[in-house]
Protein backbone atom coordinates (compact mmCIF):
# COMPACT_ATOMS: atom_id res chain seq x y z
CA MET A 1 -3.89 -19.71 16.45
CA ALA A 2 -6.67 -18.27 18.61
CA LEU A 3 -6.56 -14.51 18.97
CA GLN A 4 -6.76 -12.81 22.32
CA THR A 5 -9.25 -9.96 22.79
CA PRO A 6 -8.23 -7.37 21.72
CA VAL A 7 -5.28 -8.50 19.60
CA GLY A 8 -1.90 -7.46 21.00
CA ILE A 9 0.18 -5.46 18.52
CA GLY A 10 3.92 -4.82 18.52
CA PHE A 11 5.71 -2.40 16.18
CA ILE A 12 9.17 -2.87 14.70
CA GLY A 13 10.11 0.52 13.32
CA ALA A 14 9.08 3.82 14.92
CA GLY A 15 9.79 6.26 12.09
CA MET A 16 7.56 8.81 10.36
CA ILE A 17 4.86 6.40 9.16
CA SER A 18 4.36 5.01 12.67
CA GLU A 19 2.62 8.25 13.62
CA GLN A 20 -0.36 7.55 11.37
CA TYR A 21 -0.62 3.91 12.39
CA LEU A 22 -0.45 4.68 16.11
CA THR A 23 -3.00 7.48 15.88
CA ASN A 24 -5.49 5.29 14.02
CA LEU A 25 -4.98 1.99 15.83
CA ALA A 26 -5.76 3.72 19.13
CA GLN A 27 -9.30 4.22 17.77
CA TYR A 28 -9.81 0.59 16.72
CA PRO A 29 -11.07 -1.57 19.62
CA ASP A 30 -10.18 -4.88 17.91
CA VAL A 31 -6.48 -4.23 18.57
CA ARG A 32 -4.21 -2.89 21.31
CA VAL A 33 -0.64 -1.67 20.77
CA VAL A 34 1.47 -2.98 23.65
CA ILE A 35 5.07 -2.30 22.62
CA LEU A 36 7.12 -0.27 20.14
CA GLY A 37 10.57 -1.39 19.03
CA ASP A 38 13.28 0.26 16.99
CA LEU A 39 17.04 0.00 16.57
CA ASP A 40 16.93 3.54 17.98
CA VAL A 41 15.34 2.67 21.32
CA ASP A 42 15.08 6.34 22.32
CA ARG A 43 12.96 7.00 19.25
CA ALA A 44 10.70 4.05 20.10
CA ARG A 45 10.39 5.26 23.68
CA ALA A 46 9.49 8.80 22.57
CA GLN A 47 6.72 7.47 20.31
CA ALA A 48 5.48 5.14 23.05
CA ASP A 49 5.30 8.01 25.54
CA LYS A 50 3.51 10.22 23.02
CA HIS A 51 0.86 7.63 22.18
CA GLY A 52 0.42 6.00 25.57
CA VAL A 53 1.95 2.65 24.57
CA PRO A 54 2.99 0.71 27.70
CA PHE A 55 6.39 -0.57 26.58
CA ALA A 56 9.28 0.34 24.26
CA GLY A 57 12.51 -1.45 23.47
CA THR A 58 14.52 -3.26 20.85
CA PRO A 59 13.06 -5.30 17.95
CA ALA A 60 14.07 -8.47 19.81
CA GLU A 61 12.04 -7.38 22.82
CA VAL A 62 9.01 -6.82 20.60
CA LEU A 63 9.34 -10.32 19.12
CA ALA A 64 9.63 -11.85 22.58
CA HIS A 65 6.75 -9.98 24.20
CA PRO A 66 4.15 -12.56 25.35
CA ASP A 67 1.14 -10.29 24.69
CA VAL A 68 2.07 -9.57 21.06
CA GLN A 69 0.21 -11.66 18.48
CA LEU A 70 0.75 -9.45 15.44
CA ILE A 71 3.83 -7.53 14.37
CA VAL A 72 3.55 -4.27 12.42
CA ASN A 73 6.70 -4.13 10.28
CA LEU A 74 7.62 -0.50 9.49
CA THR A 75 11.27 -1.03 8.58
CA ILE A 76 12.90 0.05 5.31
CA PRO A 77 11.94 -1.96 2.18
CA ALA A 78 15.24 -3.87 2.03
CA ALA A 79 14.56 -5.26 5.53
CA HIS A 80 10.88 -6.12 5.08
CA VAL A 81 11.27 -9.84 4.35
CA GLU A 82 13.94 -10.42 7.00
CA VAL A 83 11.91 -8.75 9.76
CA SER A 84 8.65 -10.39 8.65
CA LEU A 85 10.33 -13.80 8.73
CA GLN A 86 11.62 -13.11 12.24
CA ALA A 87 8.06 -12.30 13.29
CA LEU A 88 6.71 -15.52 11.79
CA GLU A 89 9.42 -17.59 13.48
CA ALA A 90 8.42 -15.94 16.76
CA GLY A 91 4.85 -17.20 16.19
CA LYS A 92 3.37 -13.82 15.25
CA HIS A 93 1.13 -12.76 12.38
CA VAL A 94 2.61 -9.91 10.30
CA TRP A 95 1.36 -6.68 8.81
CA SER A 96 4.13 -5.04 6.75
CA GLU A 97 4.42 -1.71 5.06
CA LYS A 98 4.75 -1.98 1.30
CA PRO A 99 6.39 -3.44 -0.64
CA ILE A 100 6.33 -7.03 0.62
CA GLY A 101 10.04 -7.25 -0.27
CA VAL A 102 12.48 -6.25 -2.96
CA ASP A 103 12.87 -9.57 -4.81
CA ILE A 104 10.43 -12.28 -5.86
CA ALA A 105 12.26 -15.31 -4.44
CA SER A 106 12.47 -14.05 -0.85
CA ALA A 107 8.88 -12.73 -0.94
CA ARG A 108 7.62 -16.10 -2.13
CA GLY A 109 9.66 -17.78 0.58
CA LEU A 110 8.05 -15.52 3.17
CA LEU A 111 4.53 -16.51 2.11
CA ALA A 112 5.47 -20.18 1.94
CA ARG A 113 6.83 -20.05 5.49
CA ALA A 114 3.66 -18.32 6.72
CA ASP A 115 1.59 -21.13 5.20
CA GLU A 116 3.77 -23.75 6.89
CA LEU A 117 3.31 -22.06 10.26
CA GLY A 118 -0.40 -21.32 9.83
CA LEU A 119 0.17 -17.56 10.17
CA ARG A 120 -1.06 -14.58 8.17
CA VAL A 121 0.89 -11.96 6.23
CA GLY A 122 -0.85 -8.71 5.34
CA ILE A 123 0.76 -5.99 3.27
CA ALA A 124 0.03 -2.29 2.77
CA PRO A 125 -1.47 -0.36 1.16
CA ASP A 126 -4.82 -0.61 2.89
CA THR A 127 -5.92 2.67 1.31
CA VAL A 128 -7.57 0.46 -1.32
CA LEU A 129 -9.94 -0.73 1.44
CA GLY A 130 -11.07 2.82 2.20
CA GLN A 131 -14.29 4.52 1.22
CA GLY A 132 -12.89 6.18 -1.90
CA VAL A 133 -11.44 3.27 -3.86
CA GLN A 134 -14.05 0.78 -2.64
CA SER A 135 -16.90 3.05 -3.78
CA GLY A 136 -15.18 3.29 -7.16
CA LEU A 137 -14.89 -0.49 -7.46
CA ARG A 138 -18.57 -0.91 -6.57
CA ALA A 139 -19.53 1.68 -9.21
CA ILE A 140 -17.59 -0.22 -11.88
CA GLU A 141 -19.28 -3.49 -10.91
CA ARG A 142 -22.70 -1.75 -11.05
CA GLY A 143 -21.97 -0.84 -14.68
CA VAL A 144 -21.68 2.92 -14.17
CA ILE A 145 -19.13 3.10 -17.01
CA GLY A 146 -20.27 0.01 -18.91
CA THR A 147 -17.59 -2.50 -19.82
CA PRO A 148 -14.15 -1.41 -18.54
CA ILE A 149 -11.65 -0.66 -21.30
CA GLY A 150 -8.62 0.98 -19.77
CA ALA A 151 -7.17 3.42 -17.28
CA THR A 152 -4.80 6.31 -16.79
CA THR A 153 -2.90 7.01 -13.56
CA VAL A 154 -0.51 9.85 -12.77
CA MET A 155 1.74 10.46 -9.76
CA GLN A 156 4.28 13.19 -10.36
CA TYR A 157 5.96 15.89 -8.29
CA ALA A 158 9.47 17.03 -7.41
CA GLY A 159 10.26 14.23 -4.93
CA PRO A 160 10.23 13.25 -1.23
CA ASP A 161 13.65 14.78 -0.61
CA LEU A 162 11.70 18.04 -0.34
CA PHE A 163 10.16 17.04 2.99
CA HIS A 164 11.77 13.86 4.36
CA PRO A 165 14.66 14.41 6.81
CA ASN A 166 16.29 11.04 5.91
CA PRO A 167 15.25 10.36 2.31
CA GLU A 168 18.16 8.21 1.08
CA PHE A 169 16.29 4.91 1.39
CA LEU A 170 13.59 6.23 -0.94
CA PHE A 171 16.16 6.57 -3.74
CA ALA A 172 17.82 3.19 -3.16
CA PRO A 173 17.03 -0.16 -4.85
CA GLY A 174 13.63 -1.37 -3.72
CA ALA A 175 12.28 2.17 -3.61
CA GLY A 176 12.04 5.03 -6.11
CA PRO A 177 8.64 6.30 -7.29
CA VAL A 178 7.61 2.92 -8.72
CA PHE A 179 8.33 0.84 -5.61
CA ASP A 180 7.32 3.57 -3.15
CA MET A 181 4.13 4.85 -4.80
CA GLY A 182 3.43 2.10 -7.32
CA PRO A 183 1.71 -0.17 -4.77
CA TYR A 184 -1.11 2.37 -4.33
CA TYR A 185 -1.80 2.75 -8.04
CA LEU A 186 -1.05 -0.80 -9.18
CA THR A 187 -3.13 -2.34 -6.38
CA THR A 188 -6.04 -0.11 -7.38
CA LEU A 189 -5.64 -1.05 -11.06
CA VAL A 190 -5.53 -4.77 -10.23
CA SER A 191 -8.61 -4.38 -8.02
CA ALA A 192 -10.50 -2.63 -10.83
CA LEU A 193 -9.22 -4.39 -13.96
CA GLY A 194 -7.84 -7.75 -12.81
CA ALA A 195 -4.38 -9.25 -12.72
CA ILE A 196 -1.50 -7.68 -14.66
CA ARG A 197 -0.40 -9.70 -17.68
CA ARG A 198 2.43 -7.64 -19.21
CA VAL A 199 4.21 -4.32 -18.79
CA SER A 200 6.33 -2.14 -21.04
CA ALA A 201 8.21 0.77 -19.50
CA VAL A 202 10.74 3.52 -20.08
CA GLY A 203 12.54 5.39 -17.31
CA ARG A 204 15.23 7.95 -16.61
CA THR A 205 17.33 9.21 -13.70
CA PRO A 206 17.71 12.93 -14.49
CA GLN A 207 19.37 13.73 -11.15
CA THR A 208 22.09 11.27 -10.13
CA THR A 209 22.47 12.97 -6.75
CA ARG A 210 19.96 14.71 -4.49
CA THR A 211 20.28 17.11 -1.56
CA ILE A 212 18.38 16.83 1.71
CA LYS A 213 16.23 19.94 2.12
CA VAL A 214 14.94 19.70 5.72
CA GLY A 215 15.98 18.60 9.17
CA ASP A 216 19.34 18.37 10.94
CA ARG A 217 21.04 17.00 7.81
CA ALA A 218 19.81 19.66 5.38
CA GLY A 219 22.43 20.33 2.73
CA GLU A 220 23.83 16.77 2.67
CA SER A 221 23.90 15.06 -0.73
CA PHE A 222 23.30 11.40 -1.54
CA PRO A 223 23.29 9.22 -4.69
CA VAL A 224 20.17 8.24 -6.65
CA ASP A 225 20.29 4.56 -7.62
CA VAL A 226 16.86 4.08 -9.25
CA PRO A 227 14.85 5.51 -12.16
CA THR A 228 12.88 8.50 -10.90
CA HIS A 229 10.89 9.39 -14.03
CA VAL A 230 8.96 6.40 -15.40
CA HIS A 231 6.18 5.81 -17.95
CA VAL A 232 4.49 2.39 -18.11
CA ASN A 233 2.02 0.65 -20.41
CA ILE A 234 0.17 -2.12 -18.56
CA GLU A 235 -1.93 -4.96 -19.92
CA LEU A 236 -4.48 -6.35 -17.44
CA GLU A 237 -7.19 -9.00 -17.56
CA ARG A 238 -9.96 -6.47 -18.20
CA GLY A 239 -8.22 -3.63 -19.97
CA VAL A 240 -5.05 -1.64 -20.54
CA ALA A 241 -3.54 1.22 -18.57
CA GLN A 242 -0.88 3.87 -18.86
CA SER A 243 0.84 5.13 -15.72
CA THR A 244 3.34 7.85 -14.90
CA PHE A 245 5.53 7.73 -11.78
CA SER A 246 7.85 10.70 -11.40
CA TRP A 247 9.87 12.53 -8.75
CA ASP A 248 11.29 14.92 -11.33
CA THR A 249 8.44 17.24 -12.30
CA ALA A 250 7.81 20.75 -11.04
CA TYR A 251 4.11 20.40 -11.92
CA ARG A 252 2.49 18.37 -9.15
CA ARG A 253 -0.19 15.97 -10.39
CA ALA A 254 -0.89 13.11 -8.02
CA GLY A 255 -3.80 10.90 -7.09
CA ILE A 256 -5.08 10.67 -10.66
CA VAL A 257 -6.88 7.40 -11.40
CA GLU A 258 -9.27 7.43 -14.35
CA ILE A 259 -11.03 4.22 -15.40
CA SER A 260 -12.66 4.35 -18.85
CA GLY A 261 -15.43 2.07 -20.05
CA SER A 262 -17.78 1.65 -22.97
CA GLU A 263 -20.26 4.15 -21.49
CA GLY A 264 -18.19 6.61 -19.49
CA THR A 265 -15.08 7.46 -17.51
CA LEU A 266 -14.83 7.24 -13.72
CA ARG A 267 -12.47 9.34 -11.61
CA ILE A 268 -11.47 7.37 -8.51
CA PRO A 269 -10.09 9.28 -5.50
CA ASP A 270 -6.38 9.37 -4.76
CA PRO A 271 -5.33 5.76 -3.97
CA ASN A 272 -2.88 7.10 -1.38
CA MET A 273 -5.89 8.39 0.58
CA PHE A 274 -8.93 6.73 2.12
CA GLU A 275 -11.60 9.10 0.84
CA GLY A 276 -12.34 11.68 -1.84
CA ASP A 277 -14.78 12.63 -4.55
CA LEU A 278 -15.96 9.99 -7.01
CA GLU A 279 -17.12 11.32 -10.38
CA VAL A 280 -18.26 10.03 -13.75
CA THR A 281 -18.47 11.65 -17.17
CA ARG A 282 -20.11 10.52 -20.39
CA VAL A 283 -20.03 11.71 -23.99
CA GLY A 284 -22.46 14.62 -24.31
CA GLU A 285 -24.31 16.09 -27.25
CA ASP A 286 -21.35 18.33 -28.03
CA PHE A 287 -18.37 15.99 -27.93
CA ARG A 288 -16.04 19.00 -28.34
CA ALA A 289 -17.11 20.55 -25.03
CA ASP A 290 -15.24 20.02 -21.78
CA SER A 291 -16.37 16.93 -19.92
CA ALA A 292 -19.20 17.43 -17.45
CA TRP A 293 -18.47 15.47 -14.30
CA GLU A 294 -21.30 14.10 -12.18
CA PRO A 295 -20.89 12.92 -8.59
CA VAL A 296 -21.19 9.22 -7.79
CA GLU A 297 -22.26 8.19 -4.31
CA VAL A 298 -19.55 7.10 -1.90
CA GLU A 299 -20.41 4.75 0.92
CA GLY A 300 -18.80 2.88 3.77
CA ALA A 301 -16.41 3.90 6.51
CA VAL A 302 -13.58 6.24 5.53
CA GLY A 303 -10.97 4.43 7.61
CA GLY A 304 -7.28 5.23 7.85
CA ARG A 305 -3.92 3.48 7.91
CA GLY A 306 -4.43 0.36 9.95
CA ILE A 307 -7.84 -0.72 8.61
CA GLY A 308 -6.05 -3.52 6.77
CA ILE A 309 -4.88 -4.79 10.15
CA VAL A 310 -8.45 -4.71 11.45
CA ASP A 311 -9.69 -6.58 8.38
CA MET A 312 -6.94 -9.16 8.86
CA VAL A 313 -7.65 -9.89 12.52
CA ARG A 314 -11.37 -10.11 11.78
CA ALA A 315 -10.64 -12.45 8.86
CA ILE A 316 -8.60 -14.72 11.14
CA ARG A 317 -11.50 -14.88 13.59
CA GLU A 318 -14.02 -15.52 10.78
CA GLY A 319 -11.86 -18.06 8.95
CA ARG A 320 -11.86 -16.11 5.67
CA PRO A 321 -9.07 -14.62 3.53
CA HIS A 322 -8.00 -11.11 4.43
CA ARG A 323 -8.09 -8.56 1.64
CA ALA A 324 -4.70 -6.79 1.70
CA SER A 325 -3.01 -10.15 1.29
CA GLY A 326 0.56 -11.26 0.77
CA GLU A 327 -0.50 -12.84 -2.53
CA LEU A 328 -1.85 -9.52 -3.83
CA ALA A 329 1.33 -7.76 -2.68
CA LEU A 330 3.49 -10.42 -4.35
CA HIS A 331 1.69 -9.87 -7.66
CA VAL A 332 2.20 -6.11 -7.39
CA LEU A 333 5.87 -6.66 -6.50
CA GLU A 334 6.31 -8.84 -9.58
CA ALA A 335 4.77 -6.06 -11.68
CA MET A 336 7.15 -3.46 -10.23
CA ILE A 337 10.17 -5.71 -10.81
CA ALA A 338 8.93 -6.30 -14.37
CA ILE A 339 8.75 -2.51 -14.86
CA ASP A 340 12.39 -2.24 -13.76
CA GLU A 341 13.37 -5.06 -16.11
CA SER A 342 11.53 -3.46 -19.02
CA ILE A 343 13.35 -0.17 -18.39
CA ARG A 344 16.71 -1.96 -18.40
CA THR A 345 16.08 -4.14 -21.46
CA GLY A 346 13.80 -1.95 -23.53
CA GLN A 347 11.47 -4.94 -23.97
CA PRO A 348 7.97 -5.81 -22.71
CA VAL A 349 7.96 -8.21 -19.73
CA ALA A 350 5.23 -10.77 -19.03
CA LEU A 351 4.24 -11.67 -15.47
CA ASP A 352 4.14 -15.26 -14.23
CA SER A 353 1.75 -14.74 -11.33
CA SER A 354 -1.94 -13.97 -11.12
CA VAL A 355 -4.23 -13.07 -8.24
CA GLU A 356 -7.85 -13.61 -7.30
CA ALA A 357 -10.24 -10.68 -7.40
CA MET A 358 -10.60 -8.89 -4.07
CA VAL A 359 -13.89 -9.46 -2.27
CA PRO A 360 -15.41 -5.98 -1.79
CA VAL A 361 -15.45 -4.48 1.68
CA GLU A 362 -18.91 -4.54 3.25
CA THR A 363 -20.50 -1.09 3.29
CA ASP A 364 -21.16 -1.47 7.02
CA PHE A 365 -17.49 -2.21 7.80
CA ASP A 366 -16.52 0.07 10.68
CA PRO A 367 -13.04 -0.29 12.21
CA THR A 368 -14.00 2.00 15.11
CA ALA A 369 -16.72 -0.42 16.28
CA ALA A 370 -15.64 -3.58 18.04
CA HIS A 371 -16.01 -6.84 16.12
CA GLU A 372 -18.61 -9.13 17.68
CA ALA A 373 -15.82 -11.46 18.81
CA VAL A 374 -14.36 -8.57 20.80
CA ARG A 375 -17.74 -7.53 22.19
CA ALA A 376 -18.56 -11.08 23.31
């Protein structure tokens, strides 16, 4: 499928996360947003007017628009596979918010159908393609910490019901802290330490109901149907990791990714962000002293939500795999489902899938500069 110049983009879903995508994609000359669609057409129209998008309408109108070659799927997790399949059947490539889906069978079916149709499926997060995580991955490959051994990640705070005006979907099956935030941390771990082999997890649901704190519905209560305080041990190809995912802690600690090796420990920036400080520490003369952290150079474009879309359209033009792939997302989904299963059964769970190592992003990658195919 030859791509027009620039690539026409249509959105299905015009909720909170669309704001970041629309702001960033307007700065990327490889793409052009032509229509926004939502079940709430007024919401889609308001976002279109705000961001100068020419058209707004229903999801069906987005799928039918002749200038749309790629659909950005920003629906709720339970609808991701269904909407992505509709986009493929309409002859469109797909970029979906994470996770790829909520069950393995339908997610595999989605990727199989994309292969049959010769279309691409890209899945968030693309934060892992940003300056912060990519600089960390390059440092590991340069041997800054020696041979990787293991990792620690932490994401804990009191929960998104503090700020989201419609948070119920975040506490429903297919969400919770593991499915909502896990993709950032697990994708980073897989990128640094290889495919996940086995997980062992424990989890709790301390609050069986939550109350909306902001917006027009403040004061309304809703049920919590997923574990919201989870600890996981993870075995990967090149090491082991321990991860905490919690929406039940008053002490906020988020964005912690520490990769330890035979010669030091590297602190990678928050995997939910595109930039941040990169630091390394090594055992000093006085091993009892606090660690002394030294800066490690960061390089490459910072980027923002949407750089995975730019990488994907460039990959299509260049005939190479795109980095934030459906296969990587499927592996991460299997890991998250395995975490859920381990919580339920109290037993370790092995993964069936694997995934190829991500090819690092070129240091001169710049989403704000037009690809040569666009300039031509």
